[in-house]
Amino acid sequence: MSKIQFYSLISQQSITINRKSQRPLQLIQGDQIMLLLALNPMELMQEQRSISLGREEILLAAGPLCIAPQHDLTISYKGIVYNIEGDPSDEKAEWTISITKPADRELAQQLLKKPVQTEQDIHALERYLRLFIQSNPVRKVCGMESARRSYEQVDKRISFVYRYMLLHYEKPLTLHDLSKLVGCHPVYLSSVYTRVYQVSPMQHLQQIRMRKASVFVRSTTMKMKEIAHSIGYVSSSQFGSIYKRYYGVSPNRDRVAAMMKTNWIEPHY
């Protein structure tokens, strides 16, 4: 088993991610693990996989892990970063653990608040990380990613389409637009994309838009019409209908619930 060593404690970090830069901001490298507490909604990237975190959600994840390009919003978080030391020939597998058990959440929050001043503090952080991994189910990404890589070796245009949607979701994209962009037939693109990502291109685009929309609805004072246009919808009524179908509540009610600090509404697939 690889050796886990404490690297750094991030008591609180606030940064602004400019979506126009089109470059994700790397949080940790492939030989690191991070215990992350999101202080406001944020979008992460683990290889080709997108991870959405709501406010106060806690995640333990292996690198590489990045913050996805977003509109000019301030992202705040706390974290503990660990190094993984093992055989350099070992293949690193990406994985995530969502910390949801009340006892584990309380422990994680205590660790993130506790200053690291002694060697004993460092050993305690390393010991608790091993306990987290042992007591929580690990969701491995490597199997899915291996399948994706095999498809991408055949046609790298599929992964290009995903990245393009992630960076240009505000455009009124259609399947024809995407297929024209990479020079293939729409039917071929939809078929191969669905095999790789387990969802069609247009469904994936809607998921990306709705994740972005939830950040704007819950964390800004933008008007619903402005939010609709910023994520590629023509009208606020169209946006509101899709948002309610996706989250089970209208964007206006979701904003009120967020302002009242109630629990986040989980999406209905």
C-alpha atoms as a PDB file:
ATOM      1  CA  MET A   1       0.000   0.000   0.000  1.00  0.00           C
ATOM      2  CA  SER A   2       1.243   3.494  -0.834  1.00  0.00           C
ATOM      3  CA  LYS A   3       2.459   5.669   2.008  1.00  0.00           C
ATOM      4  CA  ILE A   4       0.386   8.761   2.804  1.00  0.00           C
ATOM      5  CA  GLN A   5       2.156  11.870   4.094  1.00  0.00           C
ATOM      6  CA  PHE A   6       0.730  15.231   5.148  1.00  0.00           C
ATOM      7  CA  TYR A   7       1.640  18.040   2.735  1.00  0.00           C
ATOM      8  CA  SER A   8      -0.273  21.223   3.646  1.00  0.00           C
ATOM      9  CA  LEU A   9      -3.300  22.657   5.434  1.00  0.00           C
ATOM     10  CA  ILE A  10      -5.384  25.296   3.640  1.00  0.00           C
ATOM     11  CA  SER A  11      -7.237  27.074   6.435  1.00  0.00           C
ATOM     12  CA  GLN A  12      -9.233  29.059   3.854  1.00  0.00           C
ATOM     13  CA  GLN A  13      -8.625  30.022   0.252  1.00  0.00           C
ATOM     14  CA  SER A  14     -10.698  32.434  -1.836  1.00  0.00           C
ATOM     15  CA  ILE A  15      -9.993  32.797  -5.546  1.00  0.00           C
ATOM     16  CA  THR A  16     -11.772  34.131  -8.613  1.00  0.00           C
ATOM     17  CA  ILE A  17     -11.838  31.847 -11.652  1.00  0.00           C
ATOM     18  CA  ASN A  18     -12.179  33.579 -15.002  1.00  0.00           C
ATOM     19  CA  ARG A  19     -13.982  31.288 -17.436  1.00  0.00           C
ATOM     20  CA  LYS A  20     -12.531  33.193 -20.405  1.00  0.00           C
ATOM     21  CA  SER A  21      -9.076  31.920 -19.517  1.00  0.00           C
ATOM     22  CA  GLN A  22     -10.236  28.427 -20.623  1.00  0.00           C
ATOM     23  CA  ARG A  23      -7.691  26.907 -18.247  1.00  0.00           C
ATOM     24  CA  PRO A  24      -8.687  24.849 -15.210  1.00  0.00           C
ATOM     25  CA  LEU A  25      -6.864  25.728 -11.992  1.00  0.00           C
ATOM     26  CA  GLN A  26      -5.055  22.707 -10.592  1.00  0.00           C
ATOM     27  CA  LEU A  27      -5.663  22.008  -6.905  1.00  0.00           C
ATOM     28  CA  ILE A  28      -3.577  18.854  -6.551  1.00  0.00           C
ATOM     29  CA  GLN A  29      -1.364  16.708  -8.751  1.00  0.00           C
ATOM     30  CA  GLY A  30      -1.675  13.029  -9.607  1.00  0.00           C
ATOM     31  CA  ASP A  31       0.397  11.905  -6.624  1.00  0.00           C
ATOM     32  CA  GLN A  32      -1.698  13.762  -4.055  1.00  0.00           C
ATOM     33  CA  ILE A  33      -4.974  13.423  -2.124  1.00  0.00           C
ATOM     34  CA  MET A  34      -7.131  16.313  -0.909  1.00  0.00           C
ATOM     35  CA  LEU A  35      -9.791  16.573   1.783  1.00  0.00           C
ATOM     36  CA  LEU A  36     -11.873  19.506   0.534  1.00  0.00           C
ATOM     37  CA  LEU A  37     -14.664  21.519   2.170  1.00  0.00           C
ATOM     38  CA  ALA A  38     -16.528  23.752  -0.303  1.00  0.00           C
ATOM     39  CA  LEU A  39     -17.551  27.040   1.340  1.00  0.00           C
ATOM     40  CA  ASN A  40     -19.697  27.870  -1.675  1.00  0.00           C
ATOM     41  CA  PRO A  41     -20.796  25.932  -4.779  1.00  0.00           C
ATOM     42  CA  MET A  42     -17.934  24.971  -7.069  1.00  0.00           C
ATOM     43  CA  GLU A  43     -17.242  22.848 -10.131  1.00  0.00           C
ATOM     44  CA  LEU A  44     -14.252  20.498 -10.173  1.00  0.00           C
ATOM     45  CA  MET A  45     -12.625  18.400 -12.885  1.00  0.00           C
ATOM     46  CA  GLN A  46     -10.976  15.018 -12.351  1.00  0.00           C
ATOM     47  CA  GLU A  47      -9.502  14.001 -15.711  1.00  0.00           C
ATOM     48  CA  GLN A  48     -12.536  14.190 -18.056  1.00  0.00           C
ATOM     49  CA  ARG A  49     -15.036  13.881 -15.181  1.00  0.00           C
ATOM     50  CA  SER A  50     -16.973  16.850 -13.829  1.00  0.00           C
ATOM     51  CA  ILE A  51     -17.750  17.033 -10.084  1.00  0.00           C
ATOM     52  CA  SER A  52     -20.243  19.551  -8.681  1.00  0.00           C
ATOM     53  CA  LEU A  53     -20.055  20.486  -5.001  1.00  0.00           C
ATOM     54  CA  GLY A  54     -22.691  22.428  -3.078  1.00  0.00           C
ATOM     55  CA  ARG A  55     -21.985  24.721  -0.165  1.00  0.00           C
ATOM     56  CA  GLU A  56     -20.601  22.858   2.900  1.00  0.00           C
ATOM     57  CA  GLU A  57     -20.134  19.609   0.952  1.00  0.00           C
ATOM     58  CA  ILE A  58     -16.977  17.650   1.809  1.00  0.00           C
ATOM     59  CA  LEU A  59     -15.024  15.554  -0.667  1.00  0.00           C
ATOM     60  CA  LEU A  60     -11.931  13.376  -0.396  1.00  0.00           C
ATOM     61  CA  ALA A  61     -10.366  12.890  -3.824  1.00  0.00           C
ATOM     62  CA  ALA A  62      -7.199  11.661  -5.491  1.00  0.00           C
ATOM     63  CA  GLY A  63      -5.479  13.889  -8.015  1.00  0.00           C
ATOM     64  CA  PRO A  64      -5.171  15.277 -10.506  1.00  0.00           C
ATOM     65  CA  LEU A  65      -7.991  17.581  -9.385  1.00  0.00           C
ATOM     66  CA  CYS A  66      -8.774  21.012 -10.829  1.00  0.00           C
ATOM     67  CA  ILE A  67     -11.288  23.838 -10.457  1.00  0.00           C
ATOM     68  CA  ALA A  68     -13.182  24.131 -13.745  1.00  0.00           C
ATOM     69  CA  PRO A  69     -13.334  27.474 -15.615  1.00  0.00           C
ATOM     70  CA  GLN A  70     -16.377  29.425 -14.443  1.00  0.00           C
ATOM     71  CA  HIS A  71     -17.864  32.881 -14.731  1.00  0.00           C
ATOM     72  CA  ASP A  72     -16.191  35.522 -12.575  1.00  0.00           C
ATOM     73  CA  LEU A  73     -17.230  34.120  -9.200  1.00  0.00           C
ATOM     74  CA  THR A  74     -15.212  33.907  -6.021  1.00  0.00           C
ATOM     75  CA  ILE A  75     -14.627  30.291  -5.006  1.00  0.00           C
ATOM     76  CA  SER A  76     -13.867  29.652  -1.332  1.00  0.00           C
ATOM     77  CA  TYR A  77     -12.751  26.399   0.228  1.00  0.00           C
ATOM     78  CA  LYS A  78     -10.725  24.743   2.967  1.00  0.00           C
ATOM     79  CA  GLY A  79      -8.554  21.699   2.500  1.00  0.00           C
ATOM     80  CA  ILE A  80      -5.862  19.312   3.611  1.00  0.00           C
ATOM     81  CA  VAL A  81      -3.426  18.014   0.997  1.00  0.00           C
ATOM     82  CA  TYR A  82      -1.509  14.755   1.325  1.00  0.00           C
ATOM     83  CA  ASN A  83       1.286  13.259  -0.760  1.00  0.00           C
ATOM     84  CA  ILE A  84       1.143   9.619  -1.868  1.00  0.00           C
ATOM     85  CA  GLU A  85       4.490   7.862  -1.947  1.00  0.00           C
ATOM     86  CA  GLY A  86       4.673   4.529  -3.726  1.00  0.00           C
ATOM     87  CA  ASP A  87       6.324   2.640  -6.519  1.00  0.00           C
ATOM     88  CA  PRO A  88       6.702   5.047  -9.487  1.00  0.00           C
ATOM     89  CA  SER A  89       5.658   2.234 -11.813  1.00  0.00           C
ATOM     90  CA  ASP A  90       2.278   1.900 -10.056  1.00  0.00           C
ATOM     91  CA  GLU A  91      -0.665   3.167 -12.095  1.00  0.00           C
ATOM     92  CA  LYS A  92      -2.483   5.901 -10.194  1.00  0.00           C
ATOM     93  CA  ALA A  93      -6.264   5.477 -10.168  1.00  0.00           C
ATOM     94  CA  GLU A  94      -8.537   8.489  -9.732  1.00  0.00           C
ATOM     95  CA  TRP A  95     -11.211   8.112  -7.065  1.00  0.00           C
ATOM     96  CA  THR A  96     -13.536  10.179  -4.881  1.00  0.00           C
ATOM     97  CA  ILE A  97     -15.181   9.766  -1.505  1.00  0.00           C
ATOM     98  CA  SER A  98     -18.158  11.935  -0.589  1.00  0.00           C
ATOM     99  CA  ILE A  99     -18.059  12.555   3.176  1.00  0.00           C
ATOM    100  CA  THR A 100     -21.733  12.354   4.202  1.00  0.00           C
ATOM    101  CA  LYS A 101     -21.850  10.462   7.507  1.00  0.00           C
ATOM    102  CA  PRO A 102     -22.509  12.927  10.367  1.00  0.00           C
ATOM    103  CA  ALA A 103     -19.626  11.598  12.479  1.00  0.00           C
ATOM    104  CA  ASP A 104     -17.189  11.736   9.553  1.00  0.00           C
ATOM    105  CA  ARG A 105     -18.337  15.227   8.576  1.00  0.00           C
ATOM    106  CA  GLU A 106     -17.849  16.490  12.114  1.00  0.00           C
ATOM    107  CA  LEU A 107     -14.376  14.950  12.289  1.00  0.00           C
ATOM    108  CA  ALA A 108     -13.408  16.401   8.899  1.00  0.00           C
ATOM    109  CA  GLN A 109     -14.538  19.879   9.952  1.00  0.00           C
ATOM    110  CA  GLN A 110     -12.545  19.607  13.183  1.00  0.00           C
ATOM    111  CA  LEU A 111      -9.418  18.563  11.275  1.00  0.00           C
ATOM    112  CA  LEU A 112      -9.793  21.492   8.883  1.00  0.00           C
ATOM    113  CA  LYS A 113     -10.050  23.945  11.786  1.00  0.00           C
ATOM    114  CA  LYS A 114      -7.191  22.520  13.841  1.00  0.00           C
ATOM    115  CA  PRO A 115      -3.815  24.234  13.360  1.00  0.00           C
ATOM    116  CA  VAL A 116      -0.845  22.010  12.507  1.00  0.00           C
ATOM    117  CA  GLN A 117       1.883  22.883  15.004  1.00  0.00           C
ATOM    118  CA  THR A 118       3.612  19.657  16.014  1.00  0.00           C
ATOM    119  CA  GLU A 119       4.743  16.366  14.545  1.00  0.00           C
ATOM    120  CA  GLN A 120       1.993  14.688  16.553  1.00  0.00           C
ATOM    121  CA  ASP A 121      -0.581  16.868  14.736  1.00  0.00           C
ATOM    122  CA  ILE A 122       0.785  15.690  11.386  1.00  0.00           C
ATOM    123  CA  HIS A 123       0.666  12.021  12.403  1.00  0.00           C
ATOM    124  CA  ALA A 124      -2.923  12.497  13.592  1.00  0.00           C
ATOM    125  CA  LEU A 125      -3.964  13.950  10.221  1.00  0.00           C
ATOM    126  CA  GLU A 126      -2.343  11.037   8.385  1.00  0.00           C
ATOM    127  CA  ARG A 127      -3.989   8.515  10.695  1.00  0.00           C
ATOM    128  CA  TYR A 128      -7.451  10.031  10.303  1.00  0.00           C
ATOM    129  CA  LEU A 129      -7.105  10.076   6.523  1.00  0.00           C
ATOM    130  CA  ARG A 130      -6.498   6.316   6.528  1.00  0.00           C
ATOM    131  CA  LEU A 131      -9.596   5.907   8.704  1.00  0.00           C
ATOM    132  CA  PHE A 132     -11.649   7.949   6.253  1.00  0.00           C
ATOM    133  CA  ILE A 133     -10.565   5.773   3.357  1.00  0.00           C
ATOM    134  CA  GLN A 134     -11.215   2.549   5.261  1.00  0.00           C
ATOM    135  CA  SER A 135     -14.660   3.559   6.561  1.00  0.00           C
ATOM    136  CA  ASN A 136     -16.071   5.173   3.395  1.00  0.00           C
ATOM    137  CA  PRO A 137     -16.815   3.661  -0.039  1.00  0.00           C
ATOM    138  CA  VAL A 138     -14.323   4.681  -2.703  1.00  0.00           C
ATOM    139  CA  ARG A 139     -15.831   5.535  -6.080  1.00  0.00           C
ATOM    140  CA  LYS A 140     -13.141   4.675  -8.590  1.00  0.00           C
ATOM    141  CA  VAL A 141     -12.953   6.566 -11.843  1.00  0.00           C
ATOM    142  CA  CYS A 142     -10.157   4.530 -13.406  1.00  0.00           C
ATOM    143  CA  GLY A 143     -12.432   1.873 -14.949  1.00  0.00           C
ATOM    144  CA  MET A 144     -14.593   4.410 -16.726  1.00  0.00           C
ATOM    145  CA  GLU A 145     -11.584   6.461 -17.720  1.00  0.00           C
ATOM    146  CA  SER A 146      -9.871   3.397 -19.179  1.00  0.00           C
ATOM    147  CA  ALA A 147     -12.903   2.828 -21.382  1.00  0.00           C
ATOM    148  CA  ARG A 148     -12.904   6.474 -22.391  1.00  0.00           C
ATOM    149  CA  ARG A 149      -9.226   6.419 -23.240  1.00  0.00           C
ATOM    150  CA  SER A 150      -9.704   3.369 -25.462  1.00  0.00           C
ATOM    151  CA  TYR A 151     -12.440   5.163 -27.375  1.00  0.00           C
ATOM    152  CA  GLU A 152     -10.404   8.372 -27.526  1.00  0.00           C
ATOM    153  CA  GLN A 153      -7.524   6.451 -29.093  1.00  0.00           C
ATOM    154  CA  VAL A 154      -9.940   5.584 -31.920  1.00  0.00           C
ATOM    155  CA  ASP A 155     -11.419   9.083 -32.204  1.00  0.00           C
ATOM    156  CA  LYS A 156     -10.097  11.940 -30.083  1.00  0.00           C
ATOM    157  CA  ARG A 157     -12.803  14.214 -31.466  1.00  0.00           C
ATOM    158  CA  ILE A 158     -15.175  12.857 -28.809  1.00  0.00           C
ATOM    159  CA  SER A 159     -13.166  14.226 -25.885  1.00  0.00           C
ATOM    160  CA  PHE A 160     -12.680  17.479 -27.810  1.00  0.00           C
ATOM    161  CA  VAL A 161     -16.472  17.906 -28.023  1.00  0.00           C
ATOM    162  CA  TYR A 162     -16.791  17.417 -24.263  1.00  0.00           C
ATOM    163  CA  ARG A 163     -14.126  20.006 -23.508  1.00  0.00           C
ATOM    164  CA  TYR A 164     -15.649  22.396 -26.015  1.00  0.00           C
ATOM    165  CA  MET A 165     -19.076  22.177 -24.331  1.00  0.00           C
ATOM    166  CA  LEU A 166     -17.507  22.633 -20.920  1.00  0.00           C
ATOM    167  CA  LEU A 167     -15.881  25.888 -22.046  1.00  0.00           C
ATOM    168  CA  HIS A 168     -18.582  27.201 -24.406  1.00  0.00           C
ATOM    169  CA  TYR A 169     -21.835  26.092 -22.782  1.00  0.00           C
ATOM    170  CA  GLU A 170     -23.189  29.661 -23.087  1.00  0.00           C
ATOM    171  CA  LYS A 171     -23.429  29.317 -26.871  1.00  0.00           C
ATOM    172  CA  PRO A 172     -26.695  28.070 -28.477  1.00  0.00           C
ATOM    173  CA  LEU A 173     -25.101  24.766 -29.505  1.00  0.00           C
ATOM    174  CA  THR A 174     -26.857  22.024 -31.447  1.00  0.00           C
ATOM    175  CA  LEU A 175     -25.780  18.481 -32.311  1.00  0.00           C
ATOM    176  CA  HIS A 176     -25.252  19.654 -35.885  1.00  0.00           C
ATOM    177  CA  ASP A 177     -22.982  22.471 -34.677  1.00  0.00           C
ATOM    178  CA  LEU A 178     -20.856  20.051 -32.632  1.00  0.00           C
ATOM    179  CA  SER A 179     -20.566  17.477 -35.420  1.00  0.00           C
ATOM    180  CA  LYS A 180     -19.623  20.196 -37.908  1.00  0.00           C
ATOM    181  CA  LEU A 181     -17.022  21.464 -35.470  1.00  0.00           C
ATOM    182  CA  VAL A 182     -15.142  18.131 -35.501  1.00  0.00           C
ATOM    183  CA  GLY A 183     -16.006  17.083 -39.044  1.00  0.00           C
ATOM    184  CA  CYS A 184     -18.188  14.017 -38.501  1.00  0.00           C
ATOM    185  CA  HIS A 185     -21.810  12.984 -38.995  1.00  0.00           C
ATOM    186  CA  PRO A 186     -24.240  13.925 -36.160  1.00  0.00           C
ATOM    187  CA  VAL A 187     -25.418  10.313 -35.825  1.00  0.00           C
ATOM    188  CA  TYR A 188     -21.856   9.053 -35.485  1.00  0.00           C
ATOM    189  CA  LEU A 189     -20.999  11.722 -32.922  1.00  0.00           C
ATOM    190  CA  SER A 190     -24.078  11.001 -30.817  1.00  0.00           C
ATOM    191  CA  SER A 191     -23.557   7.235 -30.930  1.00  0.00           C
ATOM    192  CA  VAL A 192     -19.852   7.183 -30.009  1.00  0.00           C
ATOM    193  CA  TYR A 193     -20.156  10.014 -27.479  1.00  0.00           C
ATOM    194  CA  THR A 194     -22.952   8.140 -25.690  1.00  0.00           C
ATOM    195  CA  ARG A 195     -20.840   4.960 -25.503  1.00  0.00           C
ATOM    196  CA  VAL A 196     -17.930   6.888 -23.992  1.00  0.00           C
ATOM    197  CA  TYR A 197     -19.732   9.167 -21.522  1.00  0.00           C
ATOM    198  CA  GLN A 198     -22.920   7.152 -20.929  1.00  0.00           C
ATOM    199  CA  VAL A 199     -24.991  10.188 -21.925  1.00  0.00           C
ATOM    200  CA  SER A 200     -25.727  11.887 -25.241  1.00  0.00           C
ATOM    201  CA  PRO A 201     -23.914  15.127 -26.175  1.00  0.00           C
ATOM    202  CA  MET A 202     -27.012  17.311 -25.788  1.00  0.00           C
ATOM    203  CA  GLN A 203     -27.959  15.716 -22.464  1.00  0.00           C
ATOM    204  CA  HIS A 204     -24.409  16.266 -21.273  1.00  0.00           C
ATOM    205  CA  LEU A 205     -24.594  19.899 -22.362  1.00  0.00           C
ATOM    206  CA  GLN A 206     -27.786  20.357 -20.366  1.00  0.00           C
ATOM    207  CA  GLN A 207     -26.136  18.856 -17.272  1.00  0.00           C
ATOM    208  CA  ILE A 208     -23.210  21.268 -17.618  1.00  0.00           C
ATOM    209  CA  ARG A 209     -25.575  24.221 -18.005  1.00  0.00           C
ATOM    210  CA  MET A 210     -27.724  23.225 -15.050  1.00  0.00           C
ATOM    211  CA  ARG A 211     -24.698  22.849 -12.777  1.00  0.00           C
ATOM    212  CA  LYS A 212     -23.583  26.333 -13.768  1.00  0.00           C
ATOM    213  CA  ALA A 213     -27.128  27.652 -13.368  1.00  0.00           C
ATOM    214  CA  SER A 214     -27.371  26.354  -9.803  1.00  0.00           C
ATOM    215  CA  VAL A 215     -24.273  28.369  -8.883  1.00  0.00           C
ATOM    216  CA  PHE A 216     -25.726  31.574 -10.347  1.00  0.00           C
ATOM    217  CA  VAL A 217     -29.170  30.999  -8.816  1.00  0.00           C
ATOM    218  CA  ARG A 218     -27.932  30.129  -5.332  1.00  0.00           C
ATOM    219  CA  SER A 219     -24.890  32.374  -5.021  1.00  0.00           C
ATOM    220  CA  THR A 220     -25.583  35.578  -7.011  1.00  0.00           C
ATOM    221  CA  THR A 221     -28.233  38.281  -7.430  1.00  0.00           C
ATOM    222  CA  MET A 222     -28.351  37.911 -11.231  1.00  0.00           C
ATOM    223  CA  LYS A 223     -31.830  38.144 -12.760  1.00  0.00           C
ATOM    224  CA  MET A 224     -33.203  34.881 -14.138  1.00  0.00           C
ATOM    225  CA  LYS A 225     -33.207  36.343 -17.652  1.00  0.00           C
ATOM    226  CA  GLU A 226     -29.514  37.160 -17.294  1.00  0.00           C
ATOM    227  CA  ILE A 227     -28.750  33.650 -16.029  1.00  0.00           C
ATOM    228  CA  ALA A 228     -30.695  32.097 -18.911  1.00  0.00           C
ATOM    229  CA  HIS A 229     -28.745  34.061 -21.518  1.00  0.00           C
ATOM    230  CA  SER A 230     -25.408  33.416 -19.777  1.00  0.00           C
ATOM    231  CA  ILE A 231     -25.797  29.646 -20.100  1.00  0.00           C
ATOM    232  CA  GLY A 232     -27.178  29.501 -23.640  1.00  0.00           C
ATOM    233  CA  TYR A 233     -30.975  29.643 -23.313  1.00  0.00           C
ATOM    234  CA  VAL A 234     -33.042  32.036 -25.396  1.00  0.00           C
ATOM    235  CA  SER A 235     -35.703  32.867 -22.805  1.00  0.00           C
ATOM    236  CA  SER A 236     -36.075  32.846 -19.033  1.00  0.00           C
ATOM    237  CA  SER A 237     -39.262  30.751 -19.339  1.00  0.00           C
ATOM    238  CA  GLN A 238     -37.397  28.023 -21.225  1.00  0.00           C
ATOM    239  CA  PHE A 239     -34.623  28.140 -18.638  1.00  0.00           C
ATOM    240  CA  GLY A 240     -37.089  28.023 -15.736  1.00  0.00           C
ATOM    241  CA  SER A 241     -38.904  25.014 -17.174  1.00  0.00           C
ATOM    242  CA  ILE A 242     -35.707  23.017 -17.672  1.00  0.00           C
ATOM    243  CA  TYR A 243     -34.329  24.046 -14.256  1.00  0.00           C
ATOM    244  CA  LYS A 244     -37.498  22.891 -12.487  1.00  0.00           C
ATOM    245  CA  ARG A 245     -37.476  19.581 -14.367  1.00  0.00           C
ATOM    246  CA  TYR A 246     -33.810  19.050 -13.468  1.00  0.00           C
ATOM    247  CA  TYR A 247     -33.848  20.110  -9.801  1.00  0.00           C
ATOM    248  CA  GLY A 248     -37.524  19.616  -8.953  1.00  0.00           C
ATOM    249  CA  VAL A 249     -37.995  23.266  -7.949  1.00  0.00           C
ATOM    250  CA  SER A 250     -38.169  26.584  -9.796  1.00  0.00           C
ATOM    251  CA  PRO A 251     -35.022  28.752  -9.837  1.00  0.00           C
ATOM    252  CA  ASN A 252     -36.772  31.495  -7.846  1.00  0.00           C
ATOM    253  CA  ARG A 253     -37.794  29.099  -5.080  1.00  0.00           C
ATOM    254  CA  ASP A 254     -34.356  27.522  -5.102  1.00  0.00           C
ATOM    255  CA  ARG A 255     -32.794  30.966  -4.593  1.00  0.00           C
ATOM    256  CA  VAL A 256     -35.102  31.687  -1.652  1.00  0.00           C
ATOM    257  CA  ALA A 257     -34.247  28.311  -0.110  1.00  0.00           C
ATOM    258  CA  ALA A 258     -30.523  29.039  -0.471  1.00  0.00           C
ATOM    259  CA  MET A 259     -30.920  32.473   1.123  1.00  0.00           C
ATOM    260  CA  MET A 260     -32.700  30.855   4.055  1.00  0.00           C
ATOM    261  CA  LYS A 261     -29.775  28.412   4.366  1.00  0.00           C
ATOM    262  CA  THR A 262     -31.911  25.318   3.942  1.00  0.00           C
ATOM    263  CA  ASN A 263     -30.556  22.064   2.558  1.00  0.00           C
ATOM    264  CA  TRP A 264     -29.535  22.000  -1.078  1.00  0.00           C
ATOM    265  CA  ILE A 265     -31.933  20.410  -3.542  1.00  0.00           C
ATOM    266  CA  GLU A 266     -30.365  17.396  -5.227  1.00  0.00           C
ATOM    267  CA  PRO A 267     -31.015  16.941  -8.977  1.00  0.00           C
ATOM    268  CA  HIS A 268     -33.557  14.414 -10.254  1.00  0.00           C
ATOM    269  CA  TYR A 269     -32.206  12.457 -13.203  1.00  0.00           C
END
